């Protein structure tokens, strides 16, 4: 399984569409076995989902993210954990331990409202995929394996 985090100086970058780097974590049997920082080369909102899919990413941890980007990630079969802040490595450890707290309603909607990252009034389409779907074959918390997605990733059904 491969997890991506929007990344800047060790922290989770708070605006998905403007992230210049992702930190990728390769996970096997619940343990991080490899890490890599990759530059996005200024891909922009729509292309970032394709960029992550091409890199084999199953799950994304980020701060604020807009509705269009959420839709693109869902289409790419990438499970989203948004509204997360703090240290990137610690967030991945929390995800693997089943303790990561994400906020599916956190969006970067400043384009429409002049607000800053993490504004919490939307949640418009309910396209959040948090939960513990089997991604890469080991299914957490009794939910089992859902092996019908891209790159071995489970499609994000809501619990």
C-alpha atoms as a PDB file:
ATOM      1  CA  UNK A   1       0.000   0.000   0.000  1.00  0.00           C
ATOM      2  CA  UNK A   2       1.178   3.523  -0.713  1.00  0.00           C
ATOM      3  CA  UNK A   3       0.078   6.547   1.329  1.00  0.00           C
ATOM      4  CA  UNK A   4       0.666  10.140   0.189  1.00  0.00           C
ATOM      5  CA  UNK A   5       0.735  13.248   2.371  1.00  0.00           C
ATOM      6  CA  UNK A   6       0.696  16.854   1.156  1.00  0.00           C
ATOM      7  CA  UNK A   7       4.091  17.903   2.462  1.00  0.00           C
ATOM      8  CA  UNK A   8       6.094  20.971   3.421  1.00  0.00           C
ATOM      9  CA  UNK A   9       8.985  21.070   5.918  1.00  0.00           C
ATOM     10  CA  UNK A  10       7.895  17.922   7.731  1.00  0.00           C
ATOM     11  CA  UNK A  11       4.310  19.132   8.139  1.00  0.00           C
ATOM     12  CA  UNK A  12       1.042  18.397   6.336  1.00  0.00           C
ATOM     13  CA  UNK A  13       0.621  21.176   3.752  1.00  0.00           C
ATOM     14  CA  UNK A  14      -2.824  22.725   4.146  1.00  0.00           C
ATOM     15  CA  UNK A  15      -3.924  23.361   0.555  1.00  0.00           C
ATOM     16  CA  UNK A  16      -4.082  20.272  -1.643  1.00  0.00           C
ATOM     17  CA  UNK A  17      -4.251  22.123  -4.966  1.00  0.00           C
ATOM     18  CA  UNK A  18      -1.175  24.215  -4.218  1.00  0.00           C
ATOM     19  CA  UNK A  19       1.035  21.523  -2.749  1.00  0.00           C
ATOM     20  CA  UNK A  20       4.479  21.414  -4.307  1.00  0.00           C
ATOM     21  CA  UNK A  21       5.508  18.140  -2.706  1.00  0.00           C
ATOM     22  CA  UNK A  22       4.016  14.879  -1.540  1.00  0.00           C
ATOM     23  CA  UNK A  23       5.709  12.543   0.861  1.00  0.00           C
ATOM     24  CA  UNK A  24       5.008   8.961  -0.168  1.00  0.00           C
ATOM     25  CA  UNK A  25       5.059   6.111   2.316  1.00  0.00           C
ATOM     26  CA  UNK A  26       5.217   2.493   1.204  1.00  0.00           C
ATOM     27  CA  UNK A  27       3.552   0.281   3.799  1.00  0.00           C
ATOM     28  CA  UNK A  28       3.752  -3.478   4.166  1.00  0.00           C
ATOM     29  CA  UNK A  29       1.945  -5.375   6.930  1.00  0.00           C
ATOM     30  CA  UNK A  30       1.204  -2.144   8.802  1.00  0.00           C
ATOM     31  CA  UNK A  31       4.798  -0.901   8.799  1.00  0.00           C
ATOM     32  CA  UNK A  32       6.387   1.876   6.739  1.00  0.00           C
ATOM     33  CA  UNK A  33       9.128   0.229   4.693  1.00  0.00           C
ATOM     34  CA  UNK A  34      10.089   3.150   2.448  1.00  0.00           C
ATOM     35  CA  UNK A  35       9.603   6.927   2.234  1.00  0.00           C
ATOM     36  CA  UNK A  36      10.087   9.287  -0.683  1.00  0.00           C
ATOM     37  CA  UNK A  37       9.470  12.996  -1.236  1.00  0.00           C
ATOM     38  CA  UNK A  38       8.285  13.805  -4.757  1.00  0.00           C
ATOM     39  CA  UNK A  39       7.769  17.192  -6.404  1.00  0.00           C
ATOM     40  CA  UNK A  40       4.471  17.829  -8.157  1.00  0.00           C
ATOM     41  CA  UNK A  41       6.021  20.147 -10.770  1.00  0.00           C
ATOM     42  CA  UNK A  42       3.076  22.511 -10.324  1.00  0.00           C
ATOM     43  CA  UNK A  43       0.477  20.020 -11.534  1.00  0.00           C
ATOM     44  CA  UNK A  44      -2.571  21.922 -10.212  1.00  0.00           C
ATOM     45  CA  UNK A  45      -5.870  20.658  -8.779  1.00  0.00           C
ATOM     46  CA  UNK A  46      -7.094  18.265 -11.477  1.00  0.00           C
ATOM     47  CA  UNK A  47      -3.764  16.810 -12.470  1.00  0.00           C
ATOM     48  CA  UNK A  48      -2.718  16.058  -8.882  1.00  0.00           C
ATOM     49  CA  UNK A  49      -5.209  13.188  -8.581  1.00  0.00           C
ATOM     50  CA  UNK A  50      -3.809  11.650 -11.772  1.00  0.00           C
ATOM     51  CA  UNK A  51      -0.269  12.264 -10.509  1.00  0.00           C
ATOM     52  CA  UNK A  52      -1.049  10.336  -7.305  1.00  0.00           C
ATOM     53  CA  UNK A  53      -2.793   7.528  -9.179  1.00  0.00           C
ATOM     54  CA  UNK A  54       0.232   7.130 -11.473  1.00  0.00           C
ATOM     55  CA  UNK A  55       2.421   6.852  -8.358  1.00  0.00           C
ATOM     56  CA  UNK A  56       0.248   3.991  -7.083  1.00  0.00           C
ATOM     57  CA  UNK A  57      -1.186   5.903  -4.120  1.00  0.00           C
ATOM     58  CA  UNK A  58      -4.088   4.259  -2.217  1.00  0.00           C
ATOM     59  CA  UNK A  59      -4.667   6.853   0.494  1.00  0.00           C
ATOM     60  CA  UNK A  60      -4.107  10.601   0.808  1.00  0.00           C
ATOM     61  CA  UNK A  61      -3.711  12.637   3.982  1.00  0.00           C
ATOM     62  CA  UNK A  62      -4.077  16.399   3.520  1.00  0.00           C
ATOM     63  CA  UNK A  63      -5.381  19.613   5.054  1.00  0.00           C
ATOM     64  CA  UNK A  64      -7.967  21.583   3.111  1.00  0.00           C
ATOM     65  CA  UNK A  65      -9.223  20.353  -0.244  1.00  0.00           C
ATOM     66  CA  UNK A  66     -11.927  21.548  -2.619  1.00  0.00           C
ATOM     67  CA  UNK A  67     -14.932  19.594  -3.857  1.00  0.00           C
ATOM     68  CA  UNK A  68     -13.592  19.172  -7.396  1.00  0.00           C
ATOM     69  CA  UNK A  69     -10.353  17.673  -6.110  1.00  0.00           C
ATOM     70  CA  UNK A  70     -12.335  15.347  -3.817  1.00  0.00           C
ATOM     71  CA  UNK A  71     -14.299  14.129  -6.833  1.00  0.00           C
ATOM     72  CA  UNK A  72     -11.108  13.586  -8.856  1.00  0.00           C
ATOM     73  CA  UNK A  73      -9.553  11.565  -6.025  1.00  0.00           C
ATOM     74  CA  UNK A  74     -12.687   9.451  -5.676  1.00  0.00           C
ATOM     75  CA  UNK A  75     -12.632   8.710  -9.412  1.00  0.00           C
ATOM     76  CA  UNK A  76      -8.966   7.733  -9.105  1.00  0.00           C
ATOM     77  CA  UNK A  77      -9.857   5.269  -6.322  1.00  0.00           C
ATOM     78  CA  UNK A  78      -7.831   7.146  -3.691  1.00  0.00           C
ATOM     79  CA  UNK A  79      -9.158   7.108  -0.138  1.00  0.00           C
ATOM     80  CA  UNK A  80      -9.115  10.614   1.373  1.00  0.00           C
ATOM     81  CA  UNK A  81      -8.291  11.742   4.901  1.00  0.00           C
ATOM     82  CA  UNK A  82      -8.607  15.537   4.917  1.00  0.00           C
ATOM     83  CA  UNK A  83      -8.746  18.262   7.529  1.00  0.00           C
ATOM     84  CA  UNK A  84      -5.558  16.865   9.079  1.00  0.00           C
ATOM     85  CA  UNK A  85      -2.700  19.068  10.305  1.00  0.00           C
ATOM     86  CA  UNK A  86       0.608  18.588  12.087  1.00  0.00           C
ATOM     87  CA  UNK A  87       3.579  16.316  11.494  1.00  0.00           C
ATOM     88  CA  UNK A  88       3.323  14.176   8.340  1.00  0.00           C
ATOM     89  CA  UNK A  89       5.131  11.134   9.766  1.00  0.00           C
ATOM     90  CA  UNK A  90       2.969  11.149  12.897  1.00  0.00           C
ATOM     91  CA  UNK A  91      -0.224  11.359  10.810  1.00  0.00           C
ATOM     92  CA  UNK A  92       0.798   8.262   8.848  1.00  0.00           C
ATOM     93  CA  UNK A  93       1.563   6.398  12.080  1.00  0.00           C
ATOM     94  CA  UNK A  94      -1.883   7.389  13.389  1.00  0.00           C
ATOM     95  CA  UNK A  95      -3.545   6.226  10.156  1.00  0.00           C
ATOM     96  CA  UNK A  96      -1.824   2.854  10.401  1.00  0.00           C
ATOM     97  CA  UNK A  97      -2.824   2.565  14.070  1.00  0.00           C
ATOM     98  CA  UNK A  98      -6.447   3.411  13.233  1.00  0.00           C
ATOM     99  CA  UNK A  99      -6.358   6.588  15.351  1.00  0.00           C
ATOM    100  CA  UNK A 100      -6.056   9.306  12.703  1.00  0.00           C
ATOM    101  CA  UNK A 101      -8.697  11.996  13.166  1.00  0.00           C
ATOM    102  CA  UNK A 102      -9.785  13.553   9.892  1.00  0.00           C
ATOM    103  CA  UNK A 103     -12.486  16.090   9.135  1.00  0.00           C
ATOM    104  CA  UNK A 104     -14.329  15.172   5.927  1.00  0.00           C
ATOM    105  CA  UNK A 105     -15.970  18.615   5.857  1.00  0.00           C
ATOM    106  CA  UNK A 106     -12.706  20.601   5.840  1.00  0.00           C
ATOM    107  CA  UNK A 107     -12.407  22.263   2.459  1.00  0.00           C
ATOM    108  CA  UNK A 108     -10.314  24.903   0.808  1.00  0.00           C
ATOM    109  CA  UNK A 109     -13.267  26.947  -0.327  1.00  0.00           C
ATOM    110  CA  UNK A 110     -11.631  30.359  -0.169  1.00  0.00           C
ATOM    111  CA  UNK A 111     -12.126  30.667  -3.923  1.00  0.00           C
ATOM    112  CA  UNK A 112     -15.802  31.351  -3.256  1.00  0.00           C
ATOM    113  CA  UNK A 113     -15.811  32.880   0.206  1.00  0.00           C
ATOM    114  CA  UNK A 114     -12.461  34.603   0.720  1.00  0.00           C
ATOM    115  CA  UNK A 115     -11.835  32.314   3.661  1.00  0.00           C
ATOM    116  CA  UNK A 116      -8.669  30.528   4.691  1.00  0.00           C
ATOM    117  CA  UNK A 117      -7.810  26.856   4.587  1.00  0.00           C
ATOM    118  CA  UNK A 118      -9.829  24.448   6.636  1.00  0.00           C
ATOM    119  CA  UNK A 119     -13.121  26.390   6.592  1.00  0.00           C
ATOM    120  CA  UNK A 120     -15.769  23.997   7.863  1.00  0.00           C
ATOM    121  CA  UNK A 121     -19.149  24.856   6.380  1.00  0.00           C
ATOM    122  CA  UNK A 122     -19.327  22.624   3.329  1.00  0.00           C
ATOM    123  CA  UNK A 123     -19.265  18.847   3.156  1.00  0.00           C
ATOM    124  CA  UNK A 124     -21.375  19.323   0.078  1.00  0.00           C
ATOM    125  CA  UNK A 125     -21.296  15.960  -1.668  1.00  0.00           C
ATOM    126  CA  UNK A 126     -20.371  13.551   1.092  1.00  0.00           C
ATOM    127  CA  UNK A 127     -17.480  12.219  -0.981  1.00  0.00           C
ATOM    128  CA  UNK A 128     -15.281  11.574   2.016  1.00  0.00           C
ATOM    129  CA  UNK A 129     -13.820   8.157   2.291  1.00  0.00           C
ATOM    130  CA  UNK A 130     -12.590   7.799   5.798  1.00  0.00           C
ATOM    131  CA  UNK A 131     -12.830   4.494   7.489  1.00  0.00           C
ATOM    132  CA  UNK A 132     -10.800   1.390   7.345  1.00  0.00           C
ATOM    133  CA  UNK A 133     -11.208  -0.259   3.971  1.00  0.00           C
ATOM    134  CA  UNK A 134      -8.736  -2.913   3.007  1.00  0.00           C
ATOM    135  CA  UNK A 135      -6.100  -1.176   0.919  1.00  0.00           C
ATOM    136  CA  UNK A 136      -3.380  -3.508  -0.198  1.00  0.00           C
ATOM    137  CA  UNK A 137      -4.826  -6.529   1.501  1.00  0.00           C
ATOM    138  CA  UNK A 138      -4.849  -6.317   5.246  1.00  0.00           C
ATOM    139  CA  UNK A 139      -8.224  -4.747   6.201  1.00  0.00           C
ATOM    140  CA  UNK A 140      -8.372  -2.990   9.583  1.00  0.00           C
ATOM    141  CA  UNK A 141     -10.842  -3.141  12.436  1.00  0.00           C
ATOM    142  CA  UNK A 142     -12.811  -6.106  11.185  1.00  0.00           C
ATOM    143  CA  UNK A 143     -13.850  -4.571   7.892  1.00  0.00           C
ATOM    144  CA  UNK A 144     -11.952  -7.092   5.804  1.00  0.00           C
ATOM    145  CA  UNK A 145     -10.410  -6.794   2.389  1.00  0.00           C
ATOM    146  CA  UNK A 146     -12.052  -4.966  -0.513  1.00  0.00           C
ATOM    147  CA  UNK A 147      -9.839  -5.899  -3.422  1.00  0.00           C
ATOM    148  CA  UNK A 148     -11.680  -4.160  -6.237  1.00  0.00           C
ATOM    149  CA  UNK A 149      -9.926  -0.890  -6.968  1.00  0.00           C
ATOM    150  CA  UNK A 150      -7.002   0.644  -8.728  1.00  0.00           C
ATOM    151  CA  UNK A 151      -3.554  -0.554  -7.678  1.00  0.00           C
ATOM    152  CA  UNK A 152      -5.077  -2.952  -5.147  1.00  0.00           C
ATOM    153  CA  UNK A 153      -6.878  -0.124  -3.351  1.00  0.00           C
ATOM    154  CA  UNK A 154     -10.402  -0.508  -2.067  1.00  0.00           C
ATOM    155  CA  UNK A 155     -12.985   1.871  -3.496  1.00  0.00           C
ATOM    156  CA  UNK A 156     -14.175   4.158  -0.736  1.00  0.00           C
ATOM    157  CA  UNK A 157     -17.533   2.944   0.404  1.00  0.00           C
ATOM    158  CA  UNK A 158     -18.831   4.709   3.455  1.00  0.00           C
ATOM    159  CA  UNK A 159     -19.091   2.561   6.561  1.00  0.00           C
END
